[in-house]
């Protein structure tokens, strides 16, 4: 979400407990000293771990 729209999100979250723990920018995801990974790496891991490991042969669902 663009920084300029955070106020809009916060309005919708009024009364809901939440914490902002990190963000993306410049091609990286950084979370308070826990994660610092490239978005390309995360995309590859997502595709590999979700689809290739849990899908039938060939890695295709449906």
PDB file of N, CA and C in Angstrom:
ATOM      1  N   UNK A   1       0.851  -1.157   0.000  1.00  0.00           N
ATOM      2  CA  UNK A   1       0.000   0.000   0.000  1.00  0.00           C
ATOM      3  C   UNK A   1       0.902   1.226   0.000  1.00  0.00           C
ATOM      4  N   UNK A   2       0.613   2.184  -0.861  1.00  0.00           N
ATOM      5  CA  UNK A   2       1.417   3.408  -0.880  1.00  0.00           C
ATOM      6  C   UNK A   2       1.336   4.151   0.457  1.00  0.00           C
ATOM      7  N   UNK A   3       2.452   4.713   0.867  1.00  0.00           N
ATOM      8  CA  UNK A   3       2.499   5.464   2.133  1.00  0.00           C
ATOM      9  C   UNK A   3       1.384   6.494   2.223  1.00  0.00           C
ATOM     10  N   UNK A   4       1.062   7.129   1.103  1.00  0.00           N
ATOM     11  CA  UNK A   4       0.053   8.170   1.089  1.00  0.00           C
ATOM     12  C   UNK A   4      -1.355   7.693   1.407  1.00  0.00           C
ATOM     13  N   UNK A   5      -1.578   6.382   1.389  1.00  0.00           N
ATOM     14  CA  UNK A   5      -2.914   5.845   1.666  1.00  0.00           C
ATOM     15  C   UNK A   5      -3.015   5.202   3.043  1.00  0.00           C
ATOM     16  N   UNK A   6      -1.959   5.261   3.842  1.00  0.00           N
ATOM     17  CA  UNK A   6      -1.994   4.636   5.168  1.00  0.00           C
ATOM     18  C   UNK A   6      -3.082   5.225   6.053  1.00  0.00           C
ATOM     19  N   UNK A   7      -3.304   6.519   5.956  1.00  0.00           N
ATOM     20  CA  UNK A   7      -4.350   7.157   6.754  1.00  0.00           C
ATOM     21  C   UNK A   7      -5.718   6.571   6.446  1.00  0.00           C
ATOM     22  N   UNK A   8      -5.966   6.297   5.177  1.00  0.00           N
ATOM     23  CA  UNK A   8      -7.235   5.692   4.756  1.00  0.00           C
ATOM     24  C   UNK A   8      -7.393   4.298   5.372  1.00  0.00           C
ATOM     25  N   UNK A   9      -6.322   3.514   5.348  1.00  0.00           N
ATOM     26  CA  UNK A   9      -6.359   2.184   5.957  1.00  0.00           C
ATOM     27  C   UNK A   9      -6.607   2.283   7.452  1.00  0.00           C
ATOM     28  N   UNK A  10      -5.911   3.195   8.110  1.00  0.00           N
ATOM     29  CA  UNK A  10      -6.074   3.354   9.555  1.00  0.00           C
ATOM     30  C   UNK A  10      -7.507   3.726   9.917  1.00  0.00           C
ATOM     31  N   UNK A  11      -8.169   4.505   9.074  1.00  0.00           N
ATOM     32  CA  UNK A  11      -9.579   4.836   9.314  1.00  0.00           C
ATOM     33  C   UNK A  11     -10.440   3.580   9.304  1.00  0.00           C
ATOM     34  N   UNK A  12     -10.168   2.685   8.373  1.00  0.00           N
ATOM     35  CA  UNK A  12     -10.931   1.437   8.277  1.00  0.00           C
ATOM     36  C   UNK A  12     -10.618   0.491   9.434  1.00  0.00           C
ATOM     37  N   UNK A  13      -9.451   0.637  10.021  1.00  0.00           N
ATOM     38  CA  UNK A  13      -9.034  -0.245  11.117  1.00  0.00           C
ATOM     39  C   UNK A  13      -9.384   0.313  12.488  1.00  0.00           C
ATOM     40  N   UNK A  14     -10.098   1.420  12.528  1.00  0.00           N
ATOM     41  CA  UNK A  14     -10.455   2.022  13.808  1.00  0.00           C
ATOM     42  C   UNK A  14     -11.161   0.990  14.688  1.00  0.00           C
ATOM     43  N   UNK A  15     -10.656   0.819  15.903  1.00  0.00           N
ATOM     44  CA  UNK A  15     -11.216  -0.143  16.844  1.00  0.00           C
ATOM     45  C   UNK A  15     -10.620  -1.534  16.731  1.00  0.00           C
ATOM     46  N   UNK A  16      -9.732  -1.739  15.759  1.00  0.00           N
ATOM     47  CA  UNK A  16      -9.084  -3.039  15.561  1.00  0.00           C
ATOM     48  C   UNK A  16      -7.624  -2.908  15.966  1.00  0.00           C
ATOM     49  N   UNK A  17      -7.147  -3.825  16.811  1.00  0.00           N
ATOM     50  CA  UNK A  17      -5.741  -3.803  17.213  1.00  0.00           C
ATOM     51  C   UNK A  17      -4.876  -4.290  16.050  1.00  0.00           C
ATOM     52  N   UNK A  18      -3.852  -3.541  15.710  1.00  0.00           N
ATOM     53  CA  UNK A  18      -2.917  -3.934  14.665  1.00  0.00           C
ATOM     54  C   UNK A  18      -1.561  -3.313  14.952  1.00  0.00           C
ATOM     55  N   UNK A  19      -0.537  -3.859  14.333  1.00  0.00           N
ATOM     56  CA  UNK A  19       0.815  -3.317  14.431  1.00  0.00           C
ATOM     57  C   UNK A  19       1.418  -3.279  13.040  1.00  0.00           C
ATOM     58  N   UNK A  20       2.066  -2.206  12.734  1.00  0.00           N
ATOM     59  CA  UNK A  20       2.802  -2.116  11.479  1.00  0.00           C
ATOM     60  C   UNK A  20       4.194  -2.660  11.749  1.00  0.00           C
ATOM     61  N   UNK A  21       4.516  -3.812  11.147  1.00  0.00           N
ATOM     62  CA  UNK A  21       5.776  -4.477  11.467  1.00  0.00           C
ATOM     63  C   UNK A  21       6.821  -4.357  10.370  1.00  0.00           C
ATOM     64  N   UNK A  22       6.457  -3.855   9.224  1.00  0.00           N
ATOM     65  CA  UNK A  22       7.438  -3.754   8.158  1.00  0.00           C
ATOM     66  C   UNK A  22       6.814  -3.198   6.900  1.00  0.00           C
ATOM     67  N   UNK A  23       7.577  -3.261   5.834  1.00  0.00           N
ATOM     68  CA  UNK A  23       7.075  -2.755   4.574  1.00  0.00           C
ATOM     69  C   UNK A  23       7.962  -3.191   3.430  1.00  0.00           C
ATOM     70  N   UNK A  24       7.531  -2.870   2.235  1.00  0.00           N
ATOM     71  CA  UNK A  24       8.322  -3.179   1.052  1.00  0.00           C
ATOM     72  C   UNK A  24       8.760  -1.879   0.404  1.00  0.00           C
ATOM     73  N   UNK A  25       9.809  -1.957  -0.339  1.00  0.00           N
ATOM     74  CA  UNK A  25      10.288  -0.787  -1.061  1.00  0.00           C
ATOM     75  C   UNK A  25      11.649  -1.077  -1.647  1.00  0.00           C
ATOM     76  N   UNK A  26      11.894  -0.552  -2.811  1.00  0.00           N
ATOM     77  CA  UNK A  26      13.188  -0.781  -3.434  1.00  0.00           C
ATOM     78  C   UNK A  26      13.462  -2.235  -3.745  1.00  0.00           C
ATOM     79  N   UNK A  27      12.404  -3.034  -3.881  1.00  0.00           N
ATOM     80  CA  UNK A  27      12.594  -4.436  -4.236  1.00  0.00           C
ATOM     81  C   UNK A  27      12.909  -5.346  -3.070  1.00  0.00           C
ATOM     82  N   UNK A  28      12.685  -4.888  -1.822  1.00  0.00           N
ATOM     83  CA  UNK A  28      12.998  -5.712  -0.655  1.00  0.00           C
ATOM     84  C   UNK A  28      11.862  -5.661   0.352  1.00  0.00           C
ATOM     85  N   UNK A  29      11.735  -6.728   1.150  1.00  0.00           N
ATOM     86  CA  UNK A  29      10.831  -6.761   2.292  1.00  0.00           C
ATOM     87  C   UNK A  29      11.702  -6.754   3.535  1.00  0.00           C
ATOM     88  N   UNK A  30      11.470  -5.786   4.404  1.00  0.00           N
ATOM     89  CA  UNK A  30      12.228  -5.695   5.653  1.00  0.00           C
ATOM     90  C   UNK A  30      11.242  -5.651   6.806  1.00  0.00           C
ATOM     91  N   UNK A  31      11.474  -6.500   7.805  1.00  0.00           N
ATOM     92  CA  UNK A  31      10.617  -6.545   8.995  1.00  0.00           C
ATOM     93  C   UNK A  31      11.507  -6.476  10.221  1.00  0.00           C
ATOM     94  N   UNK A  32      11.569  -5.323  10.819  1.00  0.00           N
ATOM     95  CA  UNK A  32      12.215  -5.051  12.110  1.00  0.00           C
ATOM     96  C   UNK A  32      13.370  -5.973  12.480  1.00  0.00           C
ATOM     97  N   UNK A  33      14.338  -6.135  11.622  1.00  0.00           N
ATOM     98  CA  UNK A  33      15.508  -6.934  11.940  1.00  0.00           C
ATOM     99  C   UNK A  33      15.295  -8.439  11.847  1.00  0.00           C
ATOM    100  N   UNK A  34      14.102  -8.883  11.499  1.00  0.00           N
ATOM    101  CA  UNK A  34      13.827 -10.325  11.376  1.00  0.00           C
ATOM    102  C   UNK A  34      13.993 -10.808   9.952  1.00  0.00           C
ATOM    103  N   UNK A  35      13.508 -10.013   9.013  1.00  0.00           N
ATOM    104  CA  UNK A  35      13.521 -10.404   7.604  1.00  0.00           C
ATOM    105  C   UNK A  35      14.115  -9.266   6.791  1.00  0.00           C
ATOM    106  N   UNK A  36      14.980  -9.614   5.873  1.00  0.00           N
ATOM    107  CA  UNK A  36      15.494  -8.672   4.883  1.00  0.00           C
ATOM    108  C   UNK A  36      15.740  -9.497   3.629  1.00  0.00           C
ATOM    109  N   UNK A  37      14.730  -9.568   2.767  1.00  0.00           N
ATOM    110  CA  UNK A  37      14.809 -10.437   1.597  1.00  0.00           C
ATOM    111  C   UNK A  37      14.335  -9.696   0.357  1.00  0.00           C
ATOM    112  N   UNK A  38      14.919 -10.070  -0.769  1.00  0.00           N
ATOM    113  CA  UNK A  38      14.500  -9.495  -2.041  1.00  0.00           C
ATOM    114  C   UNK A  38      13.122 -10.003  -2.431  1.00  0.00           C
ATOM    115  N   UNK A  39      12.315  -9.135  -3.044  1.00  0.00           N
ATOM    116  CA  UNK A  39      10.978  -9.542  -3.454  1.00  0.00           C
ATOM    117  C   UNK A  39      11.024 -10.646  -4.497  1.00  0.00           C
ATOM    118  N   UNK A  40      12.058 -10.663  -5.330  1.00  0.00           N
ATOM    119  CA  UNK A  40      12.191 -11.744  -6.304  1.00  0.00           C
ATOM    120  C   UNK A  40      12.428 -13.074  -5.600  1.00  0.00           C
ATOM    121  N   UNK A  41      13.253 -13.080  -4.549  1.00  0.00           N
ATOM    122  CA  UNK A  41      13.485 -14.301  -3.768  1.00  0.00           C
ATOM    123  C   UNK A  41      12.193 -14.793  -3.122  1.00  0.00           C
ATOM    124  N   UNK A  42      11.428 -13.866  -2.567  1.00  0.00           N
ATOM    125  CA  UNK A  42      10.178 -14.232  -1.910  1.00  0.00           C
ATOM    126  C   UNK A  42       9.170 -14.779  -2.912  1.00  0.00           C
ATOM    127  N   UNK A  43       9.116 -14.194  -4.098  1.00  0.00           N
ATOM    128  CA  UNK A  43       8.213 -14.690  -5.136  1.00  0.00           C
ATOM    129  C   UNK A  43       8.573 -16.100  -5.564  1.00  0.00           C
ATOM    130  N   UNK A  44       9.865 -16.357  -5.732  1.00  0.00           N
ATOM    131  CA  UNK A  44      10.317 -17.699  -6.105  1.00  0.00           C
ATOM    132  C   UNK A  44       9.988 -18.706  -5.009  1.00  0.00           C
ATOM    133  N   UNK A  45      10.217 -18.339  -3.760  1.00  0.00           N
ATOM    134  CA  UNK A  45       9.918 -19.237  -2.639  1.00  0.00           C
ATOM    135  C   UNK A  45       8.420 -19.505  -2.552  1.00  0.00           C
ATOM    136  N   UNK A  46       7.614 -18.493  -2.765  1.00  0.00           N
ATOM    137  CA  UNK A  46       6.154 -18.647  -2.733  1.00  0.00           C
ATOM    138  C   UNK A  46       5.710 -19.648  -3.793  1.00  0.00           C
ATOM    139  N   UNK A  47       6.167 -19.459  -5.017  1.00  0.00           N
ATOM    140  CA  UNK A  47       5.787 -20.365  -6.106  1.00  0.00           C
ATOM    141  C   UNK A  47       6.275 -21.781  -5.830  1.00  0.00           C
ATOM    142  N   UNK A  48       7.510 -21.913  -5.401  1.00  0.00           N
ATOM    143  CA  UNK A  48       8.094 -23.229  -5.150  1.00  0.00           C
ATOM    144  C   UNK A  48       7.389 -23.929  -4.003  1.00  0.00           C
ATOM    145  N   UNK A  49       7.273 -23.254  -2.877  1.00  0.00           N
ATOM    146  CA  UNK A  49       6.752 -23.902  -1.675  1.00  0.00           C
ATOM    147  C   UNK A  49       5.256 -24.135  -1.723  1.00  0.00           C
ATOM    148  N   UNK A  50       4.509 -23.254  -2.310  1.00  0.00           N
ATOM    149  CA  UNK A  50       3.060 -23.418  -2.342  1.00  0.00           C
ATOM    150  C   UNK A  50       2.625 -24.331  -3.477  1.00  0.00           C
ATOM    151  N   UNK A  51       3.166 -24.117  -4.660  1.00  0.00           N
ATOM    152  CA  UNK A  51       2.668 -24.844  -5.814  1.00  0.00           C
ATOM    153  C   UNK A  51       3.447 -26.116  -6.114  1.00  0.00           C
ATOM    154  N   UNK A  52       4.748 -26.054  -6.170  1.00  0.00           N
ATOM    155  CA  UNK A  52       5.521 -27.227  -6.550  1.00  0.00           C
ATOM    156  C   UNK A  52       5.479 -28.319  -5.495  1.00  0.00           C
ATOM    157  N   UNK A  53       5.510 -27.966  -4.234  1.00  0.00           N
ATOM    158  CA  UNK A  53       5.527 -28.976  -3.174  1.00  0.00           C
ATOM    159  C   UNK A  53       4.160 -29.579  -2.899  1.00  0.00           C
ATOM    160  N   UNK A  54       3.094 -28.829  -3.144  1.00  0.00           N
ATOM    161  CA  UNK A  54       1.768 -29.282  -2.742  1.00  0.00           C
ATOM    162  C   UNK A  54       0.839 -29.564  -3.913  1.00  0.00           C
ATOM    163  N   UNK A  55       1.335 -29.493  -5.124  1.00  0.00           N
ATOM    164  CA  UNK A  55       0.504 -29.733  -6.301  1.00  0.00           C
ATOM    165  C   UNK A  55       0.838 -31.103  -6.893  1.00  0.00           C
ATOM    166  N   UNK A  56      -0.075 -31.636  -7.701  1.00  0.00           N
ATOM    167  CA  UNK A  56       0.226 -32.894  -8.389  1.00  0.00           C
ATOM    168  C   UNK A  56       1.452 -32.732  -9.282  1.00  0.00           C
ATOM    169  N   UNK A  57       1.902 -33.824  -9.864  1.00  0.00           N
ATOM    170  CA  UNK A  57       3.083 -33.779 -10.729  1.00  0.00           C
ATOM    171  C   UNK A  57       2.965 -32.647 -11.740  1.00  0.00           C
ATOM    172  N   UNK A  58       4.040 -31.967 -11.949  1.00  0.00           N
ATOM    173  CA  UNK A  58       4.065 -30.851 -12.878  1.00  0.00           C
ATOM    174  C   UNK A  58       3.827 -29.516 -12.208  1.00  0.00           C
ATOM    175  N   UNK A  59       3.429 -29.543 -10.937  1.00  0.00           N
ATOM    176  CA  UNK A  59       3.258 -28.309 -10.195  1.00  0.00           C
ATOM    177  C   UNK A  59       2.042 -27.495 -10.585  1.00  0.00           C
ATOM    178  N   UNK A  60       1.029 -28.134 -11.165  1.00  0.00           N
ATOM    179  CA  UNK A  60      -0.161 -27.395 -11.592  1.00  0.00           C
ATOM    180  C   UNK A  60      -1.362 -27.798 -10.753  1.00  0.00           C
ATOM    181  N   UNK A  61      -2.114 -26.826 -10.350  1.00  0.00           N
ATOM    182  CA  UNK A  61      -3.351 -27.079  -9.615  1.00  0.00           C
ATOM    183  C   UNK A  61      -4.523 -26.909 -10.572  1.00  0.00           C
ATOM    184  N   UNK A  62      -5.532 -27.743 -10.430  1.00  0.00           N
ATOM    185  CA  UNK A  62      -6.754 -27.593 -11.234  1.00  0.00           C
ATOM    186  C   UNK A  62      -6.689 -28.263 -12.505  1.00  0.00           C
TER     187      UNK A  62
END
